[in-house]
Amino acid sequence: MTSLYLDVHVPAAVADQLRRLGVDVLTAREDAAAELPDAALLKRAAARGRLLFTQDIRFKSLAEDWQRTGKPFAGLVFGHQLHGSIGQYVRDLELIAKVTQPSEWWCQIERLPLR
């Protein structure tokens, strides 16, 4: 099972619904990391062994730069705020969390919603 880390751009309803479905979720706010810059948050999620979910396009660009340069991170999932609903993101993140292992996400980037 993969544990998730949600950045500050993700609505609280996503974390709430995922928890009701039995997914291990930690938010940046809960982790006292809401004010950290993206690079520090990407490192923090990796240190906690969690796949990071964001809706911030700049965060996705940062992860892509890290991926190109070989800088390690625990994986990133991006869901554009206008291209999916909370329900779609919850379903996709639940699937990701329940059927994948953290090692499968190392330095990987995925875009939601899954098709």
PDB file of N, CA and C in Angstrom:
ATOM      1  N   MET A   1       0.842  -1.181   0.000  1.00  0.00           N
ATOM      2  CA  MET A   1       0.000   0.000   0.000  1.00  0.00           C
ATOM      3  C   MET A   1       0.887   1.244   0.000  1.00  0.00           C
ATOM      4  N   THR A   2       0.479   2.249  -0.741  1.00  0.00           N
ATOM      5  CA  THR A   2       1.216   3.500  -0.846  1.00  0.00           C
ATOM      6  C   THR A   2       0.550   4.569  -0.005  1.00  0.00           C
ATOM      7  N   SER A   3       1.319   5.224   0.845  1.00  0.00           N
ATOM      8  CA  SER A   3       0.813   6.329   1.657  1.00  0.00           C
ATOM      9  C   SER A   3       0.910   7.618   0.855  1.00  0.00           C
ATOM     10  N   LEU A   4      -0.044   8.503   1.069  1.00  0.00           N
ATOM     11  CA  LEU A   4      -0.118   9.739   0.301  1.00  0.00           C
ATOM     12  C   LEU A   4       0.207  10.964   1.139  1.00  0.00           C
ATOM     13  N   TYR A   5       0.743  11.968   0.458  1.00  0.00           N
ATOM     14  CA  TYR A   5       1.038  13.279   1.045  1.00  0.00           C
ATOM     15  C   TYR A   5       0.362  14.299   0.148  1.00  0.00           C
ATOM     16  N   LEU A   6      -0.525  15.118   0.694  1.00  0.00           N
ATOM     17  CA  LEU A   6      -1.258  16.096  -0.099  1.00  0.00           C
ATOM     18  C   LEU A   6      -0.745  17.496   0.181  1.00  0.00           C
ATOM     19  N   ASP A   7      -0.453  18.234  -0.881  1.00  0.00           N
ATOM     20  CA  ASP A   7       0.029  19.593  -0.669  1.00  0.00           C
ATOM     21  C   ASP A   7      -1.138  20.542  -0.374  1.00  0.00           C
ATOM     22  N   VAL A   8      -0.830  21.794  -0.119  1.00  0.00           N
ATOM     23  CA  VAL A   8      -1.837  22.760   0.339  1.00  0.00           C
ATOM     24  C   VAL A   8      -2.852  23.126  -0.737  1.00  0.00           C
ATOM     25  N   HIS A   9      -2.589  22.823  -1.991  1.00  0.00           N
ATOM     26  CA  HIS A   9      -3.507  23.161  -3.065  1.00  0.00           C
ATOM     27  C   HIS A   9      -4.641  22.148  -3.212  1.00  0.00           C
ATOM     28  N   VAL A  10      -4.571  21.056  -2.500  1.00  0.00           N
ATOM     29  CA  VAL A  10      -5.574  19.998  -2.607  1.00  0.00           C
ATOM     30  C   VAL A  10      -6.689  20.266  -1.595  1.00  0.00           C
ATOM     31  N   PRO A  11      -7.952  20.258  -2.049  1.00  0.00           N
ATOM     32  CA  PRO A  11      -9.060  20.497  -1.120  1.00  0.00           C
ATOM     33  C   PRO A  11      -9.097  19.474   0.020  1.00  0.00           C
ATOM     34  N   ALA A  12      -9.469  19.939   1.198  1.00  0.00           N
ATOM     35  CA  ALA A  12      -9.551  19.066   2.378  1.00  0.00           C
ATOM     36  C   ALA A  12     -10.510  17.900   2.149  1.00  0.00           C
ATOM     37  N   ALA A  13     -11.522  18.094   1.308  1.00  0.00           N
ATOM     38  CA  ALA A  13     -12.484  17.022   1.037  1.00  0.00           C
ATOM     39  C   ALA A  13     -11.812  15.789   0.444  1.00  0.00           C
ATOM     40  N   VAL A  14     -10.744  15.976  -0.302  1.00  0.00           N
ATOM     41  CA  VAL A  14     -10.025  14.830  -0.880  1.00  0.00           C
ATOM     42  C   VAL A  14      -9.424  13.983   0.238  1.00  0.00           C
ATOM     43  N   ALA A  15      -8.729  14.620   1.170  1.00  0.00           N
ATOM     44  CA  ALA A  15      -8.139  13.884   2.298  1.00  0.00           C
ATOM     45  C   ALA A  15      -9.221  13.210   3.132  1.00  0.00           C
ATOM     46  N   ASP A  16     -10.299  13.927   3.411  1.00  0.00           N
ATOM     47  CA  ASP A  16     -11.385  13.370   4.228  1.00  0.00           C
ATOM     48  C   ASP A  16     -11.979  12.126   3.586  1.00  0.00           C
ATOM     49  N   GLN A  17     -12.270  12.198   2.302  1.00  0.00           N
ATOM     50  CA  GLN A  17     -12.879  11.051   1.622  1.00  0.00           C
ATOM     51  C   GLN A  17     -11.911   9.879   1.517  1.00  0.00           C
ATOM     52  N   LEU A  18     -10.641  10.159   1.239  1.00  0.00           N
ATOM     53  CA  LEU A  18      -9.662   9.076   1.172  1.00  0.00           C
ATOM     54  C   LEU A  18      -9.533   8.365   2.516  1.00  0.00           C
ATOM     55  N   ARG A  19      -9.529   9.114   3.587  1.00  0.00           N
ATOM     56  CA  ARG A  19      -9.437   8.493   4.921  1.00  0.00           C
ATOM     57  C   ARG A  19     -10.641   7.603   5.201  1.00  0.00           C
ATOM     58  N   ARG A  20     -11.816   8.041   4.780  1.00  0.00           N
ATOM     59  CA  ARG A  20     -13.016   7.202   4.971  1.00  0.00           C
ATOM     60  C   ARG A  20     -12.902   5.885   4.200  1.00  0.00           C
ATOM     61  N   LEU A  21     -12.094   5.896   3.147  1.00  0.00           N
ATOM     62  CA  LEU A  21     -11.891   4.691   2.337  1.00  0.00           C
ATOM     63  C   LEU A  21     -10.691   3.865   2.813  1.00  0.00           C
ATOM     64  N   GLY A  22     -10.080   4.277   3.911  1.00  0.00           N
ATOM     65  CA  GLY A  22      -8.990   3.507   4.498  1.00  0.00           C
ATOM     66  C   GLY A  22      -7.610   3.819   3.952  1.00  0.00           C
ATOM     67  N   VAL A  23      -7.451   4.964   3.290  1.00  0.00           N
ATOM     68  CA  VAL A  23      -6.155   5.342   2.713  1.00  0.00           C
ATOM     69  C   VAL A  23      -5.377   6.163   3.744  1.00  0.00           C
ATOM     70  N   ASP A  24      -4.090   5.875   3.850  1.00  0.00           N
ATOM     71  CA  ASP A  24      -3.196   6.606   4.755  1.00  0.00           C
ATOM     72  C   ASP A  24      -2.812   7.926   4.086  1.00  0.00           C
ATOM     73  N   VAL A  25      -3.302   9.034   4.638  1.00  0.00           N
ATOM     74  CA  VAL A  25      -3.090  10.360   4.057  1.00  0.00           C
ATOM     75  C   VAL A  25      -2.512  11.290   5.114  1.00  0.00           C
ATOM     76  N   LEU A  26      -1.537  12.090   4.698  1.00  0.00           N
ATOM     77  CA  LEU A  26      -0.993  13.164   5.520  1.00  0.00           C
ATOM     78  C   LEU A  26      -1.006  14.418   4.666  1.00  0.00           C
ATOM     79  N   THR A  27      -1.527  15.512   5.200  1.00  0.00           N
ATOM     80  CA  THR A  27      -1.529  16.759   4.442  1.00  0.00           C
ATOM     81  C   THR A  27      -0.377  17.648   4.904  1.00  0.00           C
ATOM     82  N   ALA A  28       0.032  18.537   4.020  1.00  0.00           N
ATOM     83  CA  ALA A  28       1.106  19.477   4.370  1.00  0.00           C
ATOM     84  C   ALA A  28       0.692  20.331   5.572  1.00  0.00           C
ATOM     85  N   ARG A  29      -0.570  20.700   5.631  1.00  0.00           N
ATOM     86  CA  ARG A  29      -1.049  21.492   6.774  1.00  0.00           C
ATOM     87  C   ARG A  29      -0.900  20.709   8.085  1.00  0.00           C
ATOM     88  N   GLU A  30      -1.307  19.458   8.069  1.00  0.00           N
ATOM     89  CA  GLU A  30      -1.198  18.620   9.274  1.00  0.00           C
ATOM     90  C   GLU A  30       0.254  18.395   9.676  1.00  0.00           C
ATOM     91  N   ASP A  31       1.137  18.426   8.704  1.00  0.00           N
ATOM     92  CA  ASP A  31       2.562  18.178   8.920  1.00  0.00           C
ATOM     93  C   ASP A  31       3.328  19.472   9.222  1.00  0.00           C
ATOM     94  N   ALA A  32       2.585  20.563   9.460  1.00  0.00           N
ATOM     95  CA  ALA A  32       3.181  21.878   9.737  1.00  0.00           C
ATOM     96  C   ALA A  32       4.147  22.289   8.630  1.00  0.00           C
ATOM     97  N   ALA A  33       3.779  21.956   7.377  1.00  0.00           N
ATOM     98  CA  ALA A  33       4.651  22.235   6.241  1.00  0.00           C
ATOM     99  C   ALA A  33       3.948  23.058   5.165  1.00  0.00           C
ATOM    100  N   ALA A  34       2.848  23.693   5.507  1.00  0.00           N
ATOM    101  CA  ALA A  34       2.048  24.424   4.524  1.00  0.00           C
ATOM    102  C   ALA A  34       2.793  25.590   3.899  1.00  0.00           C
ATOM    103  N   GLU A  35       3.760  26.142   4.594  1.00  0.00           N
ATOM    104  CA  GLU A  35       4.490  27.306   4.093  1.00  0.00           C
ATOM    105  C   GLU A  35       5.818  26.951   3.428  1.00  0.00           C
ATOM    106  N   LEU A  36       6.149  25.673   3.377  1.00  0.00           N
ATOM    107  CA  LEU A  36       7.423  25.268   2.779  1.00  0.00           C
ATOM    108  C   LEU A  36       7.403  25.478   1.265  1.00  0.00           C
ATOM    109  N   PRO A  37       8.531  25.843   0.690  1.00  0.00           N
ATOM    110  CA  PRO A  37       8.608  25.900  -0.779  1.00  0.00           C
ATOM    111  C   PRO A  37       8.465  24.495  -1.362  1.00  0.00           C
ATOM    112  N   ASP A  38       8.095  24.439  -2.632  1.00  0.00           N
ATOM    113  CA  ASP A  38       7.825  23.149  -3.275  1.00  0.00           C
ATOM    114  C   ASP A  38       8.979  22.162  -3.160  1.00  0.00           C
ATOM    115  N   ALA A  39      10.204  22.617  -3.372  1.00  0.00           N
ATOM    116  CA  ALA A  39      11.355  21.704  -3.313  1.00  0.00           C
ATOM    117  C   ALA A  39      11.483  21.076  -1.927  1.00  0.00           C
ATOM    118  N   ALA A  40      11.292  21.868  -0.897  1.00  0.00           N
ATOM    119  CA  ALA A  40      11.380  21.343   0.467  1.00  0.00           C
ATOM    120  C   ALA A  40      10.241  20.367   0.746  1.00  0.00           C
ATOM    121  N   LEU A  41       9.071  20.644   0.197  1.00  0.00           N
ATOM    122  CA  LEU A  41       7.932  19.749   0.401  1.00  0.00           C
ATOM    123  C   LEU A  41       8.134  18.427  -0.339  1.00  0.00           C
ATOM    124  N   LEU A  42       8.725  18.476  -1.517  1.00  0.00           N
ATOM    125  CA  LEU A  42       9.013  17.251  -2.262  1.00  0.00           C
ATOM    126  C   LEU A  42      10.009  16.384  -1.484  1.00  0.00           C
ATOM    127  N   LYS A  43      10.999  17.009  -0.874  1.00  0.00           N
ATOM    128  CA  LYS A  43      11.961  16.287  -0.030  1.00  0.00           C
ATOM    129  C   LYS A  43      11.281  15.734   1.217  1.00  0.00           C
ATOM    130  N   ARG A  44      10.395  16.525   1.810  1.00  0.00           N
ATOM    131  CA  ARG A  44       9.709  16.112   3.040  1.00  0.00           C
ATOM    132  C   ARG A  44       8.833  14.886   2.789  1.00  0.00           C
ATOM    133  N   ALA A  45       8.098  14.897   1.676  1.00  0.00           N
ATOM    134  CA  ALA A  45       7.263  13.743   1.334  1.00  0.00           C
ATOM    135  C   ALA A  45       8.135  12.498   1.149  1.00  0.00           C
ATOM    136  N   ALA A  46       9.277  12.667   0.490  1.00  0.00           N
ATOM    137  CA  ALA A  46      10.188  11.531   0.282  1.00  0.00           C
ATOM    138  C   ALA A  46      10.733  11.018   1.607  1.00  0.00           C
ATOM    139  N   ALA A  47      11.088  11.933   2.508  1.00  0.00           N
ATOM    140  CA  ALA A  47      11.615  11.534   3.818  1.00  0.00           C
ATOM    141  C   ALA A  47      10.577  10.744   4.607  1.00  0.00           C
ATOM    142  N   ARG A  48       9.313  11.004   4.343  1.00  0.00           N
ATOM    143  CA  ARG A  48       8.234  10.295   5.030  1.00  0.00           C
ATOM    144  C   ARG A  48       7.746   9.075   4.239  1.00  0.00           C
ATOM    145  N   GLY A  49       8.388   8.838   3.087  1.00  0.00           N
ATOM    146  CA  GLY A  49       8.040   7.674   2.275  1.00  0.00           C
ATOM    147  C   GLY A  49       6.655   7.760   1.666  1.00  0.00           C
ATOM    148  N   ARG A  50       6.236   8.978   1.283  1.00  0.00           N
ATOM    149  CA  ARG A  50       4.882   9.197   0.789  1.00  0.00           C
ATOM    150  C   ARG A  50       4.878   9.763  -0.624  1.00  0.00           C
ATOM    151  N   LEU A  51       3.957   9.279  -1.411  1.00  0.00           N
ATOM    152  CA  LEU A  51       3.705   9.793  -2.747  1.00  0.00           C
ATOM    153  C   LEU A  51       2.969  11.114  -2.618  1.00  0.00           C
ATOM    154  N   LEU A  52       3.457  12.130  -3.296  1.00  0.00           N
ATOM    155  CA  LEU A  52       2.879  13.459  -3.167  1.00  0.00           C
ATOM    156  C   LEU A  52       1.839  13.713  -4.253  1.00  0.00           C
ATOM    157  N   PHE A  53       0.669  14.208  -3.846  1.00  0.00           N
ATOM    158  CA  PHE A  53      -0.374  14.624  -4.779  1.00  0.00           C
ATOM    159  C   PHE A  53      -0.495  16.132  -4.722  1.00  0.00           C
ATOM    160  N   THR A  54      -0.488  16.763  -5.899  1.00  0.00           N
ATOM    161  CA  THR A  54      -0.605  18.214  -5.993  1.00  0.00           C
ATOM    162  C   THR A  54      -1.545  18.604  -7.116  1.00  0.00           C
ATOM    163  N   GLN A  55      -2.057  19.813  -7.016  1.00  0.00           N
ATOM    164  CA  GLN A  55      -2.831  20.406  -8.105  1.00  0.00           C
ATOM    165  C   GLN A  55      -2.145  21.688  -8.591  1.00  0.00           C
ATOM    166  N   ASP A  56      -0.888  21.846  -8.259  1.00  0.00           N
ATOM    167  CA  ASP A  56      -0.097  23.019  -8.604  1.00  0.00           C
ATOM    168  C   ASP A  56       0.809  22.680  -9.789  1.00  0.00           C
ATOM    169  N   ILE A  57       0.562  23.308 -10.931  1.00  0.00           N
ATOM    170  CA  ILE A  57       1.316  23.007 -12.154  1.00  0.00           C
ATOM    171  C   ILE A  57       2.802  23.312 -11.998  1.00  0.00           C
ATOM    172  N   ARG A  58       3.138  24.318 -11.201  1.00  0.00           N
ATOM    173  CA  ARG A  58       4.558  24.637 -10.979  1.00  0.00           C
ATOM    174  C   ARG A  58       5.252  23.510 -10.220  1.00  0.00           C
ATOM    175  N   PHE A  59       4.523  22.876  -9.329  1.00  0.00           N
ATOM    176  CA  PHE A  59       5.067  21.754  -8.566  1.00  0.00           C
ATOM    177  C   PHE A  59       5.370  20.598  -9.514  1.00  0.00           C
ATOM    178  N   LYS A  60       4.467  20.356 -10.448  1.00  0.00           N
ATOM    179  CA  LYS A  60       4.688  19.299 -11.450  1.00  0.00           C
ATOM    180  C   LYS A  60       5.943  19.611 -12.270  1.00  0.00           C
ATOM    181  N   SER A  61       6.110  20.862 -12.670  1.00  0.00           N
ATOM    182  CA  SER A  61       7.297  21.258 -13.440  1.00  0.00           C
ATOM    183  C   SER A  61       8.578  21.023 -12.646  1.00  0.00           C
ATOM    184  N   LEU A  62       8.550  21.327 -11.354  1.00  0.00           N
ATOM    185  CA  LEU A  62       9.710  21.081 -10.492  1.00  0.00           C
ATOM    186  C   LEU A  62      10.050  19.589 -10.476  1.00  0.00           C
ATOM    187  N   ALA A  63       9.043  18.746 -10.284  1.00  0.00           N
ATOM    188  CA  ALA A  63       9.280  17.303 -10.253  1.00  0.00           C
ATOM    189  C   ALA A  63       9.830  16.809 -11.596  1.00  0.00           C
ATOM    190  N   GLU A  64       9.339  17.367 -12.691  1.00  0.00           N
ATOM    191  CA  GLU A  64       9.857  16.985 -14.004  1.00  0.00           C
ATOM    192  C   GLU A  64      11.329  17.375 -14.140  1.00  0.00           C
ATOM    193  N   ASP A  65      11.699  18.535 -13.614  1.00  0.00           N
ATOM    194  CA  ASP A  65      13.113  18.940 -13.617  1.00  0.00           C
ATOM    195  C   ASP A  65      13.946  17.963 -12.795  1.00  0.00           C
ATOM    196  N   TRP A  66      13.450  17.593 -11.624  1.00  0.00           N
ATOM    197  CA  TRP A  66      14.165  16.637 -10.780  1.00  0.00           C
ATOM    198  C   TRP A  66      14.297  15.300 -11.489  1.00  0.00           C
ATOM    199  N   GLN A  67      13.254  14.877 -12.153  1.00  0.00           N
ATOM    200  CA  GLN A  67      13.278  13.606 -12.871  1.00  0.00           C
ATOM    201  C   GLN A  67      14.337  13.642 -13.983  1.00  0.00           C
ATOM    202  N   ARG A  68      14.381  14.726 -14.739  1.00  0.00           N
ATOM    203  CA  ARG A  68      15.359  14.867 -15.825  1.00  0.00           C
ATOM    204  C   ARG A  68      16.794  14.875 -15.324  1.00  0.00           C
ATOM    205  N   THR A  69      17.023  15.494 -14.165  1.00  0.00           N
ATOM    206  CA  THR A  69      18.389  15.634 -13.648  1.00  0.00           C
ATOM    207  C   THR A  69      18.788  14.508 -12.700  1.00  0.00           C
ATOM    208  N   GLY A  70      17.877  13.570 -12.449  1.00  0.00           N
ATOM    209  CA  GLY A  70      18.196  12.437 -11.595  1.00  0.00           C
ATOM    210  C   GLY A  70      18.165  12.728 -10.104  1.00  0.00           C
ATOM    211  N   LYS A  71      17.547  13.833  -9.732  1.00  0.00           N
ATOM    212  CA  LYS A  71      17.414  14.154  -8.309  1.00  0.00           C
ATOM    213  C   LYS A  71      16.288  13.303  -7.728  1.00  0.00           C
ATOM    214  N   PRO A  72      16.540  12.555  -6.667  1.00  0.00           N
ATOM    215  CA  PRO A  72      15.547  11.598  -6.166  1.00  0.00           C
ATOM    216  C   PRO A  72      14.355  12.245  -5.457  1.00  0.00           C
ATOM    217  N   PHE A  73      13.194  11.641  -5.677  1.00  0.00           N
ATOM    218  CA  PHE A  73      11.974  12.006  -4.950  1.00  0.00           C
ATOM    219  C   PHE A  73      11.070  10.786  -4.923  1.00  0.00           C
ATOM    220  N   ALA A  74      10.083  10.802  -4.039  1.00  0.00           N
ATOM    221  CA  ALA A  74       9.266   9.614  -3.799  1.00  0.00           C
ATOM    222  C   ALA A  74       8.098   9.470  -4.771  1.00  0.00           C
ATOM    223  N   GLY A  75       8.028  10.331  -5.765  1.00  0.00           N
ATOM    224  CA  GLY A  75       6.957  10.263  -6.750  1.00  0.00           C
ATOM    225  C   GLY A  75       5.979  11.406  -6.584  1.00  0.00           C
ATOM    226  N   LEU A  76       5.347  11.768  -7.699  1.00  0.00           N
ATOM    227  CA  LEU A  76       4.392  12.865  -7.687  1.00  0.00           C
ATOM    228  C   LEU A  76       3.224  12.531  -8.594  1.00  0.00           C
ATOM    229  N   VAL A  77       2.040  12.812  -8.107  1.00  0.00           N
ATOM    230  CA  VAL A  77       0.825  12.676  -8.896  1.00  0.00           C
ATOM    231  C   VAL A  77       0.230  14.071  -9.015  1.00  0.00           C
ATOM    232  N   PHE A  78      -0.093  14.455 -10.254  1.00  0.00           N
ATOM    233  CA  PHE A  78      -0.632  15.785 -10.521  1.00  0.00           C
ATOM    234  C   PHE A  78      -2.040  15.675 -11.069  1.00  0.00           C
ATOM    235  N   GLY A  79      -2.928  16.484 -10.516  1.00  0.00           N
ATOM    236  CA  GLY A  79      -4.292  16.568 -11.035  1.00  0.00           C
ATOM    237  C   GLY A  79      -4.677  18.021 -11.201  1.00  0.00           C
ATOM    238  N   HIS A  80      -4.825  18.456 -12.431  1.00  0.00           N
ATOM    239  CA  HIS A  80      -5.178  19.851 -12.696  1.00  0.00           C
ATOM    240  C   HIS A  80      -6.552  20.155 -12.093  1.00  0.00           C
ATOM    241  N   GLN A  81      -6.684  21.310 -11.494  1.00  0.00           N
ATOM    242  CA  GLN A  81      -7.925  21.695 -10.822  1.00  0.00           C
ATOM    243  C   GLN A  81      -9.122  21.739 -11.765  1.00  0.00           C
ATOM    244  N   LEU A  82      -8.899  21.981 -13.031  1.00  0.00           N
ATOM    245  CA  LEU A  82     -10.007  22.114 -13.982  1.00  0.00           C
ATOM    246  C   LEU A  82     -10.284  20.853 -14.791  1.00  0.00           C
ATOM    247  N   HIS A  83      -9.453  19.822 -14.646  1.00  0.00           N
ATOM    248  CA  HIS A  83      -9.600  18.647 -15.497  1.00  0.00           C
ATOM    249  C   HIS A  83     -10.137  17.414 -14.792  1.00  0.00           C
ATOM    250  N   GLY A  84     -10.591  17.567 -13.585  1.00  0.00           N
ATOM    251  CA  GLY A  84     -11.151  16.434 -12.862  1.00  0.00           C
ATOM    252  C   GLY A  84     -11.934  16.907 -11.660  1.00  0.00           C
ATOM    253  N   SER A  85     -12.812  16.057 -11.187  1.00  0.00           N
ATOM    254  CA  SER A  85     -13.613  16.388 -10.005  1.00  0.00           C
ATOM    255  C   SER A  85     -12.966  15.800  -8.750  1.00  0.00           C
ATOM    256  N   ILE A  86     -13.404  16.260  -7.619  1.00  0.00           N
ATOM    257  CA  ILE A  86     -12.920  15.697  -6.353  1.00  0.00           C
ATOM    258  C   ILE A  86     -13.182  14.196  -6.344  1.00  0.00           C
ATOM    259  N   GLY A  87     -14.364  13.790  -6.787  1.00  0.00           N
ATOM    260  CA  GLY A  87     -14.702  12.368  -6.823  1.00  0.00           C
ATOM    261  C   GLY A  87     -13.757  11.561  -7.696  1.00  0.00           C
ATOM    262  N   GLN A  88     -13.415  12.097  -8.876  1.00  0.00           N
ATOM    263  CA  GLN A  88     -12.468  11.397  -9.758  1.00  0.00           C
ATOM    264  C   GLN A  88     -11.107  11.263  -9.095  1.00  0.00           C
ATOM    265  N   TYR A  89     -10.641  12.340  -8.482  1.00  0.00           N
ATOM    266  CA  TYR A  89      -9.325  12.291  -7.838  1.00  0.00           C
ATOM    267  C   TYR A  89      -9.321  11.324  -6.666  1.00  0.00           C
ATOM    268  N   VAL A  90     -10.388  11.303  -5.909  1.00  0.00           N
ATOM    269  CA  VAL A  90     -10.474  10.369  -4.781  1.00  0.00           C
ATOM    270  C   VAL A  90     -10.433   8.932  -5.295  1.00  0.00           C
ATOM    271  N   ARG A  91     -11.214   8.617  -6.321  1.00  0.00           N
ATOM    272  CA  ARG A  91     -11.218   7.244  -6.876  1.00  0.00           C
ATOM    273  C   ARG A  91      -9.838   6.843  -7.385  1.00  0.00           C
ATOM    274  N   ASP A  92      -9.213   7.740  -8.138  1.00  0.00           N
ATOM    275  CA  ASP A  92      -7.890   7.423  -8.690  1.00  0.00           C
ATOM    276  C   ASP A  92      -6.832   7.286  -7.602  1.00  0.00           C
ATOM    277  N   LEU A  93      -6.846   8.183  -6.640  1.00  0.00           N
ATOM    278  CA  LEU A  93      -5.855   8.120  -5.553  1.00  0.00           C
ATOM    279  C   LEU A  93      -6.079   6.900  -4.672  1.00  0.00           C
ATOM    280  N   GLU A  94      -7.338   6.523  -4.449  1.00  0.00           N
ATOM    281  CA  GLU A  94      -7.606   5.305  -3.686  1.00  0.00           C
ATOM    282  C   GLU A  94      -7.021   4.099  -4.413  1.00  0.00           C
ATOM    283  N   LEU A  95      -7.238   4.011  -5.712  1.00  0.00           N
ATOM    284  CA  LEU A  95      -6.697   2.907  -6.502  1.00  0.00           C
ATOM    285  C   LEU A  95      -5.177   2.873  -6.420  1.00  0.00           C
ATOM    286  N   ILE A  96      -4.558   4.026  -6.624  1.00  0.00           N
ATOM    287  CA  ILE A  96      -3.097   4.121  -6.549  1.00  0.00           C
ATOM    288  C   ILE A  96      -2.600   3.660  -5.179  1.00  0.00           C
ATOM    289  N   ALA A  97      -3.234   4.166  -4.127  1.00  0.00           N
ATOM    290  CA  ALA A  97      -2.786   3.845  -2.768  1.00  0.00           C
ATOM    291  C   ALA A  97      -2.939   2.361  -2.446  1.00  0.00           C
ATOM    292  N   LYS A  98      -4.021   1.758  -2.904  1.00  0.00           N
ATOM    293  CA  LYS A  98      -4.322   0.380  -2.508  1.00  0.00           C
ATOM    294  C   LYS A  98      -3.681  -0.692  -3.377  1.00  0.00           C
ATOM    295  N   VAL A  99      -3.277  -0.360  -4.602  1.00  0.00           N
ATOM    296  CA  VAL A  99      -2.734  -1.421  -5.474  1.00  0.00           C
ATOM    297  C   VAL A  99      -1.273  -1.228  -5.861  1.00  0.00           C
ATOM    298  N   THR A 100      -0.645  -0.160  -5.390  1.00  0.00           N
ATOM    299  CA  THR A 100       0.768   0.041  -5.722  1.00  0.00           C
ATOM    300  C   THR A 100       1.617   0.068  -4.462  1.00  0.00           C
ATOM    301  N   GLN A 101       2.902  -0.104  -4.670  1.00  0.00           N
ATOM    302  CA  GLN A 101       3.883  -0.036  -3.593  1.00  0.00           C
ATOM    303  C   GLN A 101       4.693   1.248  -3.756  1.00  0.00           C
ATOM    304  N   PRO A 102       5.184   1.826  -2.660  1.00  0.00           N
ATOM    305  CA  PRO A 102       5.971   3.056  -2.758  1.00  0.00           C
ATOM    306  C   PRO A 102       7.147   2.949  -3.721  1.00  0.00           C
ATOM    307  N   SER A 103       7.779   1.800  -3.783  1.00  0.00           N
ATOM    308  CA  SER A 103       8.946   1.639  -4.665  1.00  0.00           C
ATOM    309  C   SER A 103       8.592   1.818  -6.143  1.00  0.00           C
ATOM    310  N   GLU A 104       7.339   1.577  -6.506  1.00  0.00           N
ATOM    311  CA  GLU A 104       6.912   1.744  -7.895  1.00  0.00           C
ATOM    312  C   GLU A 104       6.849   3.215  -8.306  1.00  0.00           C
ATOM    313  N   TRP A 105       6.806   4.104  -7.324  1.00  0.00           N
ATOM    314  CA  TRP A 105       6.650   5.532  -7.592  1.00  0.00           C
ATOM    315  C   TRP A 105       7.950   6.308  -7.577  1.00  0.00           C
ATOM    316  N   TRP A 106       9.037   5.674  -7.165  1.00  0.00           N
ATOM    317  CA  TRP A 106      10.297   6.392  -6.993  1.00  0.00           C
ATOM    318  C   TRP A 106      10.655   7.148  -8.278  1.00  0.00           C
ATOM    319  N   CYS A 107      10.748   8.464  -8.178  1.00  0.00           N
ATOM    320  CA  CYS A 107      11.105   9.366  -9.286  1.00  0.00           C
ATOM    321  C   CYS A 107      10.126   9.306 -10.459  1.00  0.00           C
ATOM    322  N   GLN A 108       8.893   8.919 -10.195  1.00  0.00           N
ATOM    323  CA  GLN A 108       7.874   8.834 -11.236  1.00  0.00           C
ATOM    324  C   GLN A 108       6.857   9.975 -11.083  1.00  0.00           C
ATOM    325  N   ILE A 109       6.248  10.337 -12.201  1.00  0.00           N
ATOM    326  CA  ILE A 109       5.218  11.372 -12.232  1.00  0.00           C
ATOM    327  C   ILE A 109       4.024  10.822 -13.006  1.00  0.00           C
ATOM    328  N   GLU A 110       2.844  11.016 -12.455  1.00  0.00           N
ATOM    329  CA  GLU A 110       1.612  10.570 -13.112  1.00  0.00           C
ATOM    330  C   GLU A 110       0.621  11.727 -13.114  1.00  0.00           C
ATOM    331  N   ARG A 111      -0.188  11.772 -14.146  1.00  0.00           N
ATOM    332  CA  ARG A 111      -1.219  12.815 -14.251  1.00  0.00           C
ATOM    333  C   ARG A 111      -2.579  12.168 -14.038  1.00  0.00           C
ATOM    334  N   LEU A 112      -3.444  12.846 -13.274  1.00  0.00           N
ATOM    335  CA  LEU A 112      -4.809  12.400 -13.063  1.00  0.00           C
ATOM    336  C   LEU A 112      -5.755  13.363 -13.771  1.00  0.00           C
ATOM    337  N   PRO A 113      -6.965  12.946 -14.105  1.00  0.00           N
ATOM    338  CA  PRO A 113      -7.519  11.627 -13.799  1.00  0.00           C
ATOM    339  C   PRO A 113      -6.943  10.539 -14.708  1.00  0.00           C
ATOM    340  N   LEU A 114      -6.913   9.314 -14.150  1.00  0.00           N
ATOM    341  CA  LEU A 114      -6.473   8.160 -14.927  1.00  0.00           C
ATOM    342  C   LEU A 114      -7.523   7.895 -15.996  1.00  0.00           C
ATOM    343  N   ARG A 115      -7.123   7.396 -17.095  1.00  0.00           N
ATOM    344  CA  ARG A 115      -8.078   7.132 -18.191  1.00  0.00           C
ATOM    345  C   ARG A 115      -8.229   5.649 -18.394  1.00  0.00           C
TER     346      ARG A 115
END
